[in-house]
Amino acid sequence: MQPRKVLAVDDSKLVLKMYEVMLRDYAVVTAADGVEALTRLAEHPDVDLVLLDINMPNMNGLEVLDTLHAQGRLPGLAVVVVTTEGGEGEVARGLGAGAAAYITKPFDGPNLLGLISGLPARSQS
């Protein structure tokens, strides 16, 4: 069963709007930085997929991943990093921190949707 509720986290209002349009078949919650993302996850415990930017103010995406890992949330939550940071070290750090996938911007909408639809929904722990 594929993910049903998505948290899109990006400091770009344009990118968040693109997600809302592209993901019209999913329930979408948005956040503009990592601190807001953690708040939204607390408010929406049924989120089963996070699309996470790395470069954001207040708390970056890798810090969000580290926090989710420390909270024991990652077994019940799929995280896809979607960012401009595409170096080997960044990809390895994101995947090593618990991301299910890592995509660089600019991304292809159909490929992102294909990746999302292929992710299994994870059970909430």
PDB file of N, CA and C in Angstrom:
ATOM      1  N   MET A   1       0.843  -1.177   0.000  1.00  0.00           N
ATOM      2  CA  MET A   1       0.000   0.000   0.000  1.00  0.00           C
ATOM      3  C   MET A   1       0.890   1.243   0.000  1.00  0.00           C
ATOM      4  N   GLN A   2       0.662   2.145  -0.919  1.00  0.00           N
ATOM      5  CA  GLN A   2       1.513   3.323  -1.049  1.00  0.00           C
ATOM      6  C   GLN A   2       1.153   4.394  -0.027  1.00  0.00           C
ATOM      7  N   PRO A   3       2.072   5.357   0.178  1.00  0.00           N
ATOM      8  CA  PRO A   3       1.809   6.434   1.136  1.00  0.00           C
ATOM      9  C   PRO A   3       0.517   7.183   0.802  1.00  0.00           C
ATOM     10  N   ARG A   4      -0.131   7.707   1.853  1.00  0.00           N
ATOM     11  CA  ARG A   4      -1.392   8.425   1.677  1.00  0.00           C
ATOM     12  C   ARG A   4      -1.308   9.896   2.048  1.00  0.00           C
ATOM     13  N   LYS A   5      -0.520  10.205   3.089  1.00  0.00           N
ATOM     14  CA  LYS A   5      -0.427  11.584   3.556  1.00  0.00           C
ATOM     15  C   LYS A   5       1.030  12.022   3.528  1.00  0.00           C
ATOM     16  N   VAL A   6       1.281  13.161   2.881  1.00  0.00           N
ATOM     17  CA  VAL A   6       2.632  13.628   2.622  1.00  0.00           C
ATOM     18  C   VAL A   6       2.879  14.951   3.341  1.00  0.00           C
ATOM     19  N   LEU A   7       4.024  15.058   3.994  1.00  0.00           N
ATOM     20  CA  LEU A   7       4.498  16.327   4.517  1.00  0.00           C
ATOM     21  C   LEU A   7       5.580  16.821   3.577  1.00  0.00           C
ATOM     22  N   ALA A   8       5.347  17.955   2.918  1.00  0.00           N
ATOM     23  CA  ALA A   8       6.326  18.571   2.026  1.00  0.00           C
ATOM     24  C   ALA A   8       7.030  19.686   2.787  1.00  0.00           C
ATOM     25  N   VAL A   9       8.356  19.596   2.877  1.00  0.00           N
ATOM     26  CA  VAL A   9       9.134  20.557   3.659  1.00  0.00           C
ATOM     27  C   VAL A   9      10.142  21.243   2.742  1.00  0.00           C
ATOM     28  N   ASP A  10       9.964  22.546   2.552  1.00  0.00           N
ATOM     29  CA  ASP A  10      10.865  23.324   1.697  1.00  0.00           C
ATOM     30  C   ASP A  10      10.679  24.787   2.044  1.00  0.00           C
ATOM     31  N   ASP A  11      11.760  25.563   2.014  1.00  0.00           N
ATOM     32  CA  ASP A  11      11.644  26.982   2.312  1.00  0.00           C
ATOM     33  C   ASP A  11      11.211  27.805   1.104  1.00  0.00           C
ATOM     34  N   SER A  12      11.045  27.174  -0.041  1.00  0.00           N
ATOM     35  CA  SER A  12      10.556  27.850  -1.235  1.00  0.00           C
ATOM     36  C   SER A  12       9.036  27.685  -1.347  1.00  0.00           C
ATOM     37  N   LYS A  13       8.318  28.808  -1.324  1.00  0.00           N
ATOM     38  CA  LYS A  13       6.862  28.758  -1.473  1.00  0.00           C
ATOM     39  C   LYS A  13       6.478  28.184  -2.831  1.00  0.00           C
ATOM     40  N   LEU A  14       7.283  28.463  -3.859  1.00  0.00           N
ATOM     41  CA  LEU A  14       7.006  27.935  -5.198  1.00  0.00           C
ATOM     42  C   LEU A  14       7.104  26.409  -5.212  1.00  0.00           C
ATOM     43  N   VAL A  15       8.128  25.863  -4.586  1.00  0.00           N
ATOM     44  CA  VAL A  15       8.285  24.403  -4.543  1.00  0.00           C
ATOM     45  C   VAL A  15       7.125  23.775  -3.773  1.00  0.00           C
ATOM     46  N   LEU A  16       6.734  24.386  -2.660  1.00  0.00           N
ATOM     47  CA  LEU A  16       5.599  23.851  -1.893  1.00  0.00           C
ATOM     48  C   LEU A  16       4.326  23.867  -2.730  1.00  0.00           C
ATOM     49  N   LYS A  17       4.118  24.923  -3.497  1.00  0.00           N
ATOM     50  CA  LYS A  17       2.938  24.998  -4.368  1.00  0.00           C
ATOM     51  C   LYS A  17       3.012  23.914  -5.452  1.00  0.00           C
ATOM     52  N   MET A  18       4.209  23.681  -6.006  1.00  0.00           N
ATOM     53  CA  MET A  18       4.379  22.618  -7.002  1.00  0.00           C
ATOM     54  C   MET A  18       4.004  21.268  -6.412  1.00  0.00           C
ATOM     55  N   TYR A  19       4.443  21.004  -5.184  1.00  0.00           N
ATOM     56  CA  TYR A  19       4.087  19.751  -4.527  1.00  0.00           C
ATOM     57  C   TYR A  19       2.569  19.617  -4.383  1.00  0.00           C
ATOM     58  N   GLU A  20       1.920  20.690  -3.948  1.00  0.00           N
ATOM     59  CA  GLU A  20       0.470  20.637  -3.770  1.00  0.00           C
ATOM     60  C   GLU A  20      -0.238  20.301  -5.078  1.00  0.00           C
ATOM     61  N   VAL A  21       0.242  20.849  -6.185  1.00  0.00           N
ATOM     62  CA  VAL A  21      -0.359  20.573  -7.499  1.00  0.00           C
ATOM     63  C   VAL A  21      -0.019  19.157  -7.957  1.00  0.00           C
ATOM     64  N   MET A  22       1.253  18.781  -7.859  1.00  0.00           N
ATOM     65  CA  MET A  22       1.694  17.463  -8.321  1.00  0.00           C
ATOM     66  C   MET A  22       1.082  16.330  -7.510  1.00  0.00           C
ATOM     67  N   LEU A  23       0.876  16.557  -6.230  1.00  0.00           N
ATOM     68  CA  LEU A  23       0.435  15.499  -5.326  1.00  0.00           C
ATOM     69  C   LEU A  23      -1.047  15.610  -4.997  1.00  0.00           C
ATOM     70  N   ARG A  24      -1.826  16.026  -5.965  1.00  0.00           N
ATOM     71  CA  ARG A  24      -3.258  16.246  -5.727  1.00  0.00           C
ATOM     72  C   ARG A  24      -4.008  14.963  -5.344  1.00  0.00           C
ATOM     73  N   ASP A  25      -3.429  13.804  -5.602  1.00  0.00           N
ATOM     74  CA  ASP A  25      -4.061  12.537  -5.208  1.00  0.00           C
ATOM     75  C   ASP A  25      -3.716  12.128  -3.775  1.00  0.00           C
ATOM     76  N   TYR A  26      -2.923  12.942  -3.096  1.00  0.00           N
ATOM     77  CA  TYR A  26      -2.509  12.671  -1.719  1.00  0.00           C
ATOM     78  C   TYR A  26      -2.990  13.814  -0.822  1.00  0.00           C
ATOM     79  N   ALA A  27      -3.137  13.531   0.451  1.00  0.00           N
ATOM     80  CA  ALA A  27      -3.331  14.602   1.426  1.00  0.00           C
ATOM     81  C   ALA A  27      -1.952  15.215   1.651  1.00  0.00           C
ATOM     82  N   VAL A  28      -1.830  16.535   1.492  1.00  0.00           N
ATOM     83  CA  VAL A  28      -0.530  17.203   1.600  1.00  0.00           C
ATOM     84  C   VAL A  28      -0.560  18.240   2.719  1.00  0.00           C
ATOM     85  N   VAL A  29       0.445  18.169   3.574  1.00  0.00           N
ATOM     86  CA  VAL A  29       0.687  19.142   4.624  1.00  0.00           C
ATOM     87  C   VAL A  29       2.029  19.780   4.279  1.00  0.00           C
ATOM     88  N   THR A  30       2.182  21.091   4.523  1.00  0.00           N
ATOM     89  CA  THR A  30       3.437  21.748   4.159  1.00  0.00           C
ATOM     90  C   THR A  30       4.094  22.394   5.370  1.00  0.00           C
ATOM     91  N   ALA A  31       5.417  22.567   5.247  1.00  0.00           N
ATOM     92  CA  ALA A  31       6.210  23.262   6.258  1.00  0.00           C
ATOM     93  C   ALA A  31       7.348  23.983   5.554  1.00  0.00           C
ATOM     94  N   ALA A  32       7.731  25.149   6.082  1.00  0.00           N
ATOM     95  CA  ALA A  32       8.743  25.985   5.446  1.00  0.00           C
ATOM     96  C   ALA A  32      10.145  25.797   6.014  1.00  0.00           C
ATOM     97  N   ASP A  33      10.288  25.030   7.083  1.00  0.00           N
ATOM     98  CA  ASP A  33      11.615  24.744   7.637  1.00  0.00           C
ATOM     99  C   ASP A  33      11.518  23.511   8.540  1.00  0.00           C
ATOM    100  N   GLY A  34      12.661  23.106   9.054  1.00  0.00           N
ATOM    101  CA  GLY A  34      12.688  21.888   9.857  1.00  0.00           C
ATOM    102  C   GLY A  34      11.933  21.973  11.167  1.00  0.00           C
ATOM    103  N   VAL A  35      11.971  23.126  11.818  1.00  0.00           N
ATOM    104  CA  VAL A  35      11.245  23.293  13.077  1.00  0.00           C
ATOM    105  C   VAL A  35       9.751  23.147  12.826  1.00  0.00           C
ATOM    106  N   GLU A  36       9.263  23.812  11.777  1.00  0.00           N
ATOM    107  CA  GLU A  36       7.840  23.706  11.430  1.00  0.00           C
ATOM    108  C   GLU A  36       7.497  22.278  11.018  1.00  0.00           C
ATOM    109  N   ALA A  37       8.413  21.592  10.348  1.00  0.00           N
ATOM    110  CA  ALA A  37       8.171  20.204   9.936  1.00  0.00           C
ATOM    111  C   ALA A  37       7.921  19.308  11.145  1.00  0.00           C
ATOM    112  N   LEU A  38       8.728  19.456  12.182  1.00  0.00           N
ATOM    113  CA  LEU A  38       8.539  18.636  13.380  1.00  0.00           C
ATOM    114  C   LEU A  38       7.211  18.959  14.063  1.00  0.00           C
ATOM    115  N   THR A  39       6.820  20.232  14.035  1.00  0.00           N
ATOM    116  CA  THR A  39       5.521  20.632  14.585  1.00  0.00           C
ATOM    117  C   THR A  39       4.389  20.002  13.786  1.00  0.00           C
ATOM    118  N   ARG A  40       4.492  20.055  12.453  1.00  0.00           N
ATOM    119  CA  ARG A  40       3.443  19.476  11.597  1.00  0.00           C
ATOM    120  C   ARG A  40       3.338  17.964  11.809  1.00  0.00           C
ATOM    121  N   LEU A  41       4.469  17.301  11.981  1.00  0.00           N
ATOM    122  CA  LEU A  41       4.434  15.857  12.233  1.00  0.00           C
ATOM    123  C   LEU A  41       3.740  15.542  13.547  1.00  0.00           C
ATOM    124  N   ALA A  42       3.946  16.379  14.548  1.00  0.00           N
ATOM    125  CA  ALA A  42       3.255  16.178  15.825  1.00  0.00           C
ATOM    126  C   ALA A  42       1.749  16.405  15.670  1.00  0.00           C
ATOM    127  N   GLU A  43       1.375  17.373  14.829  1.00  0.00           N
ATOM    128  CA  GLU A  43      -0.036  17.685  14.597  1.00  0.00           C
ATOM    129  C   GLU A  43      -0.715  16.661  13.689  1.00  0.00           C
ATOM    130  N   HIS A  44       0.065  16.017  12.831  1.00  0.00           N
ATOM    131  CA  HIS A  44      -0.455  15.064  11.843  1.00  0.00           C
ATOM    132  C   HIS A  44       0.305  13.733  11.971  1.00  0.00           C
ATOM    133  N   PRO A  45       0.009  12.949  12.995  1.00  0.00           N
ATOM    134  CA  PRO A  45       0.741  11.692  13.197  1.00  0.00           C
ATOM    135  C   PRO A  45       0.483  10.657  12.107  1.00  0.00           C
ATOM    136  N   ASP A  46      -0.514  10.898  11.243  1.00  0.00           N
ATOM    137  CA  ASP A  46      -0.804   9.958  10.164  1.00  0.00           C
ATOM    138  C   ASP A  46       0.008  10.222   8.897  1.00  0.00           C
ATOM    139  N   VAL A  47       0.911  11.207   8.910  1.00  0.00           N
ATOM    140  CA  VAL A  47       1.813  11.421   7.769  1.00  0.00           C
ATOM    141  C   VAL A  47       2.677  10.177   7.630  1.00  0.00           C
ATOM    142  N   ASP A  48       2.753   9.631   6.417  1.00  0.00           N
ATOM    143  CA  ASP A  48       3.596   8.452   6.227  1.00  0.00           C
ATOM    144  C   ASP A  48       4.712   8.665   5.204  1.00  0.00           C
ATOM    145  N   LEU A  49       4.808   9.907   4.659  1.00  0.00           N
ATOM    146  CA  LEU A  49       5.890  10.244   3.736  1.00  0.00           C
ATOM    147  C   LEU A  49       6.267  11.700   3.932  1.00  0.00           C
ATOM    148  N   VAL A  50       7.569  11.972   4.000  1.00  0.00           N
ATOM    149  CA  VAL A  50       8.072  13.341   4.088  1.00  0.00           C
ATOM    150  C   VAL A  50       8.963  13.595   2.888  1.00  0.00           C
ATOM    151  N   LEU A  51       8.691  14.686   2.163  1.00  0.00           N
ATOM    152  CA  LEU A  51       9.571  15.179   1.108  1.00  0.00           C
ATOM    153  C   LEU A  51      10.354  16.316   1.745  1.00  0.00           C
ATOM    154  N   LEU A  52      11.660  16.150   1.871  1.00  0.00           N
ATOM    155  CA  LEU A  52      12.461  16.994   2.748  1.00  0.00           C
ATOM    156  C   LEU A  52      13.606  17.680   2.015  1.00  0.00           C
ATOM    157  N   ASP A  53      13.596  19.010   2.028  1.00  0.00           N
ATOM    158  CA  ASP A  53      14.716  19.790   1.509  1.00  0.00           C
ATOM    159  C   ASP A  53      15.838  19.767   2.546  1.00  0.00           C
ATOM    160  N   ILE A  54      17.063  20.022   2.124  1.00  0.00           N
ATOM    161  CA  ILE A  54      18.189  20.062   3.048  1.00  0.00           C
ATOM    162  C   ILE A  54      18.469  21.493   3.511  1.00  0.00           C
ATOM    163  N   ASN A  55      18.621  22.418   2.564  1.00  0.00           N
ATOM    164  CA  ASN A  55      18.998  23.796   2.896  1.00  0.00           C
ATOM    165  C   ASN A  55      17.778  24.624   3.257  1.00  0.00           C
ATOM    166  N   MET A  56      17.585  24.824   4.570  1.00  0.00           N
ATOM    167  CA  MET A  56      16.458  25.608   5.064  1.00  0.00           C
ATOM    168  C   MET A  56      16.903  26.370   6.302  1.00  0.00           C
ATOM    169  N   PRO A  57      16.217  27.469   6.602  1.00  0.00           N
ATOM    170  CA  PRO A  57      16.542  28.206   7.825  1.00  0.00           C
ATOM    171  C   PRO A  57      16.038  27.464   9.067  1.00  0.00           C
ATOM    172  N   ASN A  58      16.513  27.878  10.217  1.00  0.00           N
ATOM    173  CA  ASN A  58      16.095  27.393  11.538  1.00  0.00           C
ATOM    174  C   ASN A  58      16.546  25.977  11.847  1.00  0.00           C
ATOM    175  N   MET A  59      16.248  25.021  10.994  1.00  0.00           N
ATOM    176  CA  MET A  59      16.701  23.643  11.157  1.00  0.00           C
ATOM    177  C   MET A  59      16.753  23.030   9.765  1.00  0.00           C
ATOM    178  N   ASN A  60      17.933  22.555   9.368  1.00  0.00           N
ATOM    179  CA  ASN A  60      18.037  21.999   8.013  1.00  0.00           C
ATOM    180  C   ASN A  60      17.509  20.567   7.959  1.00  0.00           C
ATOM    181  N   GLY A  61      17.410  20.042   6.757  1.00  0.00           N
ATOM    182  CA  GLY A  61      16.829  18.718   6.561  1.00  0.00           C
ATOM    183  C   GLY A  61      17.606  17.596   7.229  1.00  0.00           C
ATOM    184  N   LEU A  62      18.928  17.689   7.238  1.00  0.00           N
ATOM    185  CA  LEU A  62      19.717  16.648   7.894  1.00  0.00           C
ATOM    186  C   LEU A  62      19.486  16.664   9.407  1.00  0.00           C
ATOM    187  N   GLU A  63      19.301  17.852   9.980  1.00  0.00           N
ATOM    188  CA  GLU A  63      18.973  17.946  11.402  1.00  0.00           C
ATOM    189  C   GLU A  63      17.590  17.347  11.676  1.00  0.00           C
ATOM    190  N   VAL A  64      16.654  17.540  10.752  1.00  0.00           N
ATOM    191  CA  VAL A  64      15.331  16.926  10.887  1.00  0.00           C
ATOM    192  C   VAL A  64      15.471  15.404  10.882  1.00  0.00           C
ATOM    193  N   LEU A  65      16.232  14.874   9.926  1.00  0.00           N
ATOM    194  CA  LEU A  65      16.451  13.423   9.870  1.00  0.00           C
ATOM    195  C   LEU A  65      17.081  12.913  11.165  1.00  0.00           C
ATOM    196  N   ASP A  66      18.086  13.621  11.665  1.00  0.00           N
ATOM    197  CA  ASP A  66      18.735  13.217  12.915  1.00  0.00           C
ATOM    198  C   ASP A  66      17.729  13.213  14.069  1.00  0.00           C
ATOM    199  N   THR A  67      16.866  14.233  14.126  1.00  0.00           N
ATOM    200  CA  THR A  67      15.862  14.317  15.190  1.00  0.00           C
ATOM    201  C   THR A  67      14.857  13.178  15.086  1.00  0.00           C
ATOM    202  N   LEU A  68      14.372  12.916  13.866  1.00  0.00           N
ATOM    203  CA  LEU A  68      13.418  11.824  13.665  1.00  0.00           C
ATOM    204  C   LEU A  68      14.040  10.475  14.043  1.00  0.00           C
ATOM    205  N   HIS A  69      15.306  10.306  13.697  1.00  0.00           N
ATOM    206  CA  HIS A  69      16.003   9.078  14.061  1.00  0.00           C
ATOM    207  C   HIS A  69      16.112   8.951  15.577  1.00  0.00           C
ATOM    208  N   ALA A  70      16.510  10.044  16.244  1.00  0.00           N
ATOM    209  CA  ALA A  70      16.646  10.027  17.701  1.00  0.00           C
ATOM    210  C   ALA A  70      15.306   9.774  18.390  1.00  0.00           C
ATOM    211  N   GLN A  71      14.218  10.221  17.781  1.00  0.00           N
ATOM    212  CA  GLN A  71      12.877  10.014  18.347  1.00  0.00           C
ATOM    213  C   GLN A  71      12.325   8.625  18.035  1.00  0.00           C
ATOM    214  N   GLY A  72      13.039   7.854  17.216  1.00  0.00           N
ATOM    215  CA  GLY A  72      12.560   6.531  16.833  1.00  0.00           C
ATOM    216  C   GLY A  72      11.419   6.572  15.833  1.00  0.00           C
ATOM    217  N   ARG A  73      11.275   7.677  15.091  1.00  0.00           N
ATOM    218  CA  ARG A  73      10.169   7.847  14.147  1.00  0.00           C
ATOM    219  C   ARG A  73      10.427   7.238  12.770  1.00  0.00           C
ATOM    220  N   LEU A  74      11.693   7.049  12.407  1.00  0.00           N
ATOM    221  CA  LEU A  74      11.984   6.632  11.029  1.00  0.00           C
ATOM    222  C   LEU A  74      11.487   5.237  10.656  1.00  0.00           C
ATOM    223  N   PRO A  75      11.393   4.295  11.543  1.00  0.00           N
ATOM    224  CA  PRO A  75      10.811   3.021  11.107  1.00  0.00           C
ATOM    225  C   PRO A  75       9.364   3.161  10.624  1.00  0.00           C
ATOM    226  N   GLY A  76       8.636   4.174  11.109  1.00  0.00           N
ATOM    227  CA  GLY A  76       7.239   4.346  10.719  1.00  0.00           C
ATOM    228  C   GLY A  76       7.014   5.453   9.719  1.00  0.00           C
ATOM    229  N   LEU A  77       8.085   5.986   9.139  1.00  0.00           N
ATOM    230  CA  LEU A  77       7.973   7.160   8.286  1.00  0.00           C
ATOM    231  C   LEU A  77       8.982   7.091   7.147  1.00  0.00           C
ATOM    232  N   ALA A  78       8.509   7.188   5.913  1.00  0.00           N
ATOM    233  CA  ALA A  78       9.417   7.231   4.758  1.00  0.00           C
ATOM    234  C   ALA A  78       9.806   8.682   4.518  1.00  0.00           C
ATOM    235  N   VAL A  79      11.100   8.941   4.335  1.00  0.00           N
ATOM    236  CA  VAL A  79      11.590  10.290   4.047  1.00  0.00           C
ATOM    237  C   VAL A  79      12.337  10.254   2.724  1.00  0.00           C
ATOM    238  N   VAL A  80      11.934  11.145   1.819  1.00  0.00           N
ATOM    239  CA  VAL A  80      12.638  11.317   0.553  1.00  0.00           C
ATOM    240  C   VAL A  80      13.258  12.704   0.568  1.00  0.00           C
ATOM    241  N   VAL A  81      14.575  12.767   0.488  1.00  0.00           N
ATOM    242  CA  VAL A  81      15.271  14.044   0.426  1.00  0.00           C
ATOM    243  C   VAL A  81      15.172  14.549  -1.013  1.00  0.00           C
ATOM    244  N   VAL A  82      14.713  15.793  -1.169  1.00  0.00           N
ATOM    245  CA  VAL A  82      14.608  16.437  -2.476  1.00  0.00           C
ATOM    246  C   VAL A  82      15.324  17.778  -2.344  1.00  0.00           C
ATOM    247  N   THR A  83      16.525  17.883  -2.916  1.00  0.00           N
ATOM    248  CA  THR A  83      17.372  19.037  -2.652  1.00  0.00           C
ATOM    249  C   THR A  83      18.318  19.333  -3.798  1.00  0.00           C
ATOM    250  N   THR A  84      18.937  20.510  -3.755  1.00  0.00           N
ATOM    251  CA  THR A  84      19.950  20.862  -4.754  1.00  0.00           C
ATOM    252  C   THR A  84      21.299  20.256  -4.409  1.00  0.00           C
ATOM    253  N   GLU A  85      21.463  19.784  -3.183  1.00  0.00           N
ATOM    254  CA  GLU A  85      22.735  19.212  -2.726  1.00  0.00           C
ATOM    255  C   GLU A  85      22.871  17.789  -3.255  1.00  0.00           C
ATOM    256  N   GLY A  86      23.704  17.607  -4.287  1.00  0.00           N
ATOM    257  CA  GLY A  86      23.798  16.300  -4.911  1.00  0.00           C
ATOM    258  C   GLY A  86      25.159  15.646  -4.842  1.00  0.00           C
ATOM    259  N   GLY A  87      26.053  16.189  -4.031  1.00  0.00           N
ATOM    260  CA  GLY A  87      27.380  15.596  -3.905  1.00  0.00           C
ATOM    261  C   GLY A  87      27.316  14.239  -3.229  1.00  0.00           C
ATOM    262  N   GLU A  88      28.323  13.409  -3.508  1.00  0.00           N
ATOM    263  CA  GLU A  88      28.357  12.059  -2.931  1.00  0.00           C
ATOM    264  C   GLU A  88      28.234  12.069  -1.421  1.00  0.00           C
ATOM    265  N   GLY A  89      28.922  13.010  -0.772  1.00  0.00           N
ATOM    266  CA  GLY A  89      28.894  13.080   0.687  1.00  0.00           C
ATOM    267  C   GLY A  89      27.510  13.405   1.216  1.00  0.00           C
ATOM    268  N   GLU A  90      26.817  14.349   0.557  1.00  0.00           N
ATOM    269  CA  GLU A  90      25.470  14.723   0.990  1.00  0.00           C
ATOM    270  C   GLU A  90      24.491  13.569   0.808  1.00  0.00           C
ATOM    271  N   VAL A  91      24.585  12.895  -0.334  1.00  0.00           N
ATOM    272  CA  VAL A  91      23.694  11.759  -0.605  1.00  0.00           C
ATOM    273  C   VAL A  91      23.939  10.663   0.437  1.00  0.00           C
ATOM    274  N   ALA A  92      25.205  10.351   0.690  1.00  0.00           N
ATOM    275  CA  ALA A  92      25.537   9.312   1.671  1.00  0.00           C
ATOM    276  C   ALA A  92      25.047   9.698   3.059  1.00  0.00           C
ATOM    277  N   ARG A  93      25.189  10.965   3.425  1.00  0.00           N
ATOM    278  CA  ARG A  93      24.736  11.406   4.755  1.00  0.00           C
ATOM    279  C   ARG A  93      23.220  11.297   4.862  1.00  0.00           C
ATOM    280  N   GLY A  94      22.495  11.736   3.814  1.00  0.00           N
ATOM    281  CA  GLY A  94      21.033  11.662   3.845  1.00  0.00           C
ATOM    282  C   GLY A  94      20.528  10.232   3.938  1.00  0.00           C
ATOM    283  N   LEU A  95      21.073   9.366   3.117  1.00  0.00           N
ATOM    284  CA  LEU A  95      20.649   7.968   3.140  1.00  0.00           C
ATOM    285  C   LEU A  95      21.089   7.289   4.433  1.00  0.00           C
ATOM    286  N   GLY A  96      22.294   7.637   4.897  1.00  0.00           N
ATOM    287  CA  GLY A  96      22.786   7.072   6.143  1.00  0.00           C
ATOM    288  C   GLY A  96      21.980   7.514   7.354  1.00  0.00           C
ATOM    289  N   ALA A  97      21.363   8.704   7.260  1.00  0.00           N
ATOM    290  CA  ALA A  97      20.551   9.227   8.365  1.00  0.00           C
ATOM    291  C   ALA A  97      19.140   8.657   8.363  1.00  0.00           C
ATOM    292  N   GLY A  98      18.810   7.862   7.326  1.00  0.00           N
ATOM    293  CA  GLY A  98      17.512   7.198   7.329  1.00  0.00           C
ATOM    294  C   GLY A  98      16.573   7.545   6.198  1.00  0.00           C
ATOM    295  N   ALA A  99      17.008   8.383   5.260  1.00  0.00           N
ATOM    296  CA  ALA A  99      16.142   8.688   4.123  1.00  0.00           C
ATOM    297  C   ALA A  99      15.953   7.440   3.262  1.00  0.00           C
ATOM    298  N   ALA A 100      14.730   7.263   2.745  1.00  0.00           N
ATOM    299  CA  ALA A 100      14.427   6.129   1.873  1.00  0.00           C
ATOM    300  C   ALA A 100      14.968   6.354   0.466  1.00  0.00           C
ATOM    301  N   ALA A 101      15.092   7.632   0.064  1.00  0.00           N
ATOM    302  CA  ALA A 101      15.580   7.980  -1.272  1.00  0.00           C
ATOM    303  C   ALA A 101      16.107   9.406  -1.242  1.00  0.00           C
ATOM    304  N   TYR A 102      16.879   9.745  -2.269  1.00  0.00           N
ATOM    305  CA  TYR A 102      17.520  11.061  -2.359  1.00  0.00           C
ATOM    306  C   TYR A 102      17.411  11.514  -3.799  1.00  0.00           C
ATOM    307  N   ILE A 103      16.756  12.638  -4.026  1.00  0.00           N
ATOM    308  CA  ILE A 103      16.543  13.171  -5.375  1.00  0.00           C
ATOM    309  C   ILE A 103      17.097  14.587  -5.424  1.00  0.00           C
ATOM    310  N   THR A 104      17.772  14.928  -6.522  1.00  0.00           N
ATOM    311  CA  THR A 104      18.286  16.284  -6.657  1.00  0.00           C
ATOM    312  C   THR A 104      17.358  17.142  -7.503  1.00  0.00           C
ATOM    313  N   LYS A 105      17.312  18.429  -7.153  1.00  0.00           N
ATOM    314  CA  LYS A 105      16.556  19.430  -7.903  1.00  0.00           C
ATOM    315  C   LYS A 105      17.446  19.931  -9.031  1.00  0.00           C
ATOM    316  N   PRO A 106      16.887  20.321 -10.152  1.00  0.00           N
ATOM    317  CA  PRO A 106      15.460  20.199 -10.467  1.00  0.00           C
ATOM    318  C   PRO A 106      15.104  18.745 -10.710  1.00  0.00           C
ATOM    319  N   PHE A 107      13.922  18.355 -10.266  1.00  0.00           N
ATOM    320  CA  PHE A 107      13.491  16.975 -10.411  1.00  0.00           C
ATOM    321  C   PHE A 107      12.400  16.889 -11.462  1.00  0.00           C
ATOM    322  N   ASP A 108      12.222  15.693 -11.968  1.00  0.00           N
ATOM    323  CA  ASP A 108      11.207  15.412 -12.968  1.00  0.00           C
ATOM    324  C   ASP A 108       9.949  14.941 -12.244  1.00  0.00           C
ATOM    325  N   GLY A 109       8.839  15.652 -12.421  1.00  0.00           N
ATOM    326  CA  GLY A 109       7.597  15.334 -11.726  1.00  0.00           C
ATOM    327  C   GLY A 109       7.154  13.884 -11.860  1.00  0.00           C
ATOM    328  N   PRO A 110       7.064  13.359 -13.084  1.00  0.00           N
ATOM    329  CA  PRO A 110       6.642  11.960 -13.230  1.00  0.00           C
ATOM    330  C   PRO A 110       7.575  10.970 -12.527  1.00  0.00           C
ATOM    331  N   ASN A 111       8.877  11.244 -12.545  1.00  0.00           N
ATOM    332  CA  ASN A 111       9.806  10.351 -11.842  1.00  0.00           C
ATOM    333  C   ASN A 111       9.601  10.407 -10.332  1.00  0.00           C
ATOM    334  N   LEU A 112       9.359  11.609  -9.806  1.00  0.00           N
ATOM    335  CA  LEU A 112       9.091  11.734  -8.373  1.00  0.00           C
ATOM    336  C   LEU A 112       7.809  11.001  -8.006  1.00  0.00           C
ATOM    337  N   LEU A 113       6.773  11.170  -8.808  1.00  0.00           N
ATOM    338  CA  LEU A 113       5.507  10.478  -8.543  1.00  0.00           C
ATOM    339  C   LEU A 113       5.681   8.967  -8.614  1.00  0.00           C
ATOM    340  N   GLY A 114       6.474   8.501  -9.570  1.00  0.00           N
ATOM    341  CA  GLY A 114       6.744   7.063  -9.677  1.00  0.00           C
ATOM    342  C   GLY A 114       7.474   6.542  -8.452  1.00  0.00           C
ATOM    343  N   LEU A 115       8.447   7.309  -7.978  1.00  0.00           N
ATOM    344  CA  LEU A 115       9.168   6.913  -6.776  1.00  0.00           C
ATOM    345  C   LEU A 115       8.224   6.852  -5.581  1.00  0.00           C
ATOM    346  N   ILE A 116       7.386   7.880  -5.430  1.00  0.00           N
ATOM    347  CA  ILE A 116       6.450   7.926  -4.305  1.00  0.00           C
ATOM    348  C   ILE A 116       5.474   6.758  -4.354  1.00  0.00           C
ATOM    349  N   SER A 117       4.927   6.498  -5.530  1.00  0.00           N
ATOM    350  CA  SER A 117       3.937   5.418  -5.624  1.00  0.00           C
ATOM    351  C   SER A 117       4.556   4.051  -5.380  1.00  0.00           C
ATOM    352  N   GLY A 118       5.867   3.943  -5.544  1.00  0.00           N
ATOM    353  CA  GLY A 118       6.553   2.692  -5.301  1.00  0.00           C
ATOM    354  C   GLY A 118       6.965   2.479  -3.855  1.00  0.00           C
ATOM    355  N   LEU A 119       6.848   3.531  -3.040  1.00  0.00           N
ATOM    356  CA  LEU A 119       7.213   3.402  -1.629  1.00  0.00           C
ATOM    357  C   LEU A 119       6.069   2.742  -0.866  1.00  0.00           C
ATOM    358  N   PRO A 120       6.375   1.761  -0.064  1.00  0.00           N
ATOM    359  CA  PRO A 120       5.313   1.173   0.758  1.00  0.00           C
ATOM    360  C   PRO A 120       4.940   2.106   1.896  1.00  0.00           C
ATOM    361  N   ALA A 121       3.678   2.148   2.254  1.00  0.00           N
ATOM    362  CA  ALA A 121       3.265   2.890   3.436  1.00  0.00           C
ATOM    363  C   ALA A 121       3.824   2.157   4.637  1.00  0.00           C
ATOM    364  N   ARG A 122       4.400   2.887   5.537  1.00  0.00           N
ATOM    365  CA  ARG A 122       4.993   2.274   6.716  1.00  0.00           C
ATOM    366  C   ARG A 122       4.024   2.390   7.879  1.00  0.00           C
ATOM    367  N   SER A 123       4.048   1.414   8.733  1.00  0.00           N
ATOM    368  CA  SER A 123       3.135   1.430   9.877  1.00  0.00           C
ATOM    369  C   SER A 123       3.638   2.423  10.914  1.00  0.00           C
ATOM    370  N   GLN A 124       2.713   3.103  11.565  1.00  0.00           N
ATOM    371  CA  GLN A 124       3.073   4.025  12.635  1.00  0.00           C
ATOM    372  C   GLN A 124       3.464   3.208  13.861  1.00  0.00           C
ATOM    373  N   SER A 125       4.611   3.555  14.441  1.00  0.00           N
ATOM    374  CA  SER A 125       5.067   2.827  15.629  1.00  0.00           C
ATOM    375  C   SER A 125       4.554   3.478  16.875  1.00  0.00           C
TER     376      SER A 125
END
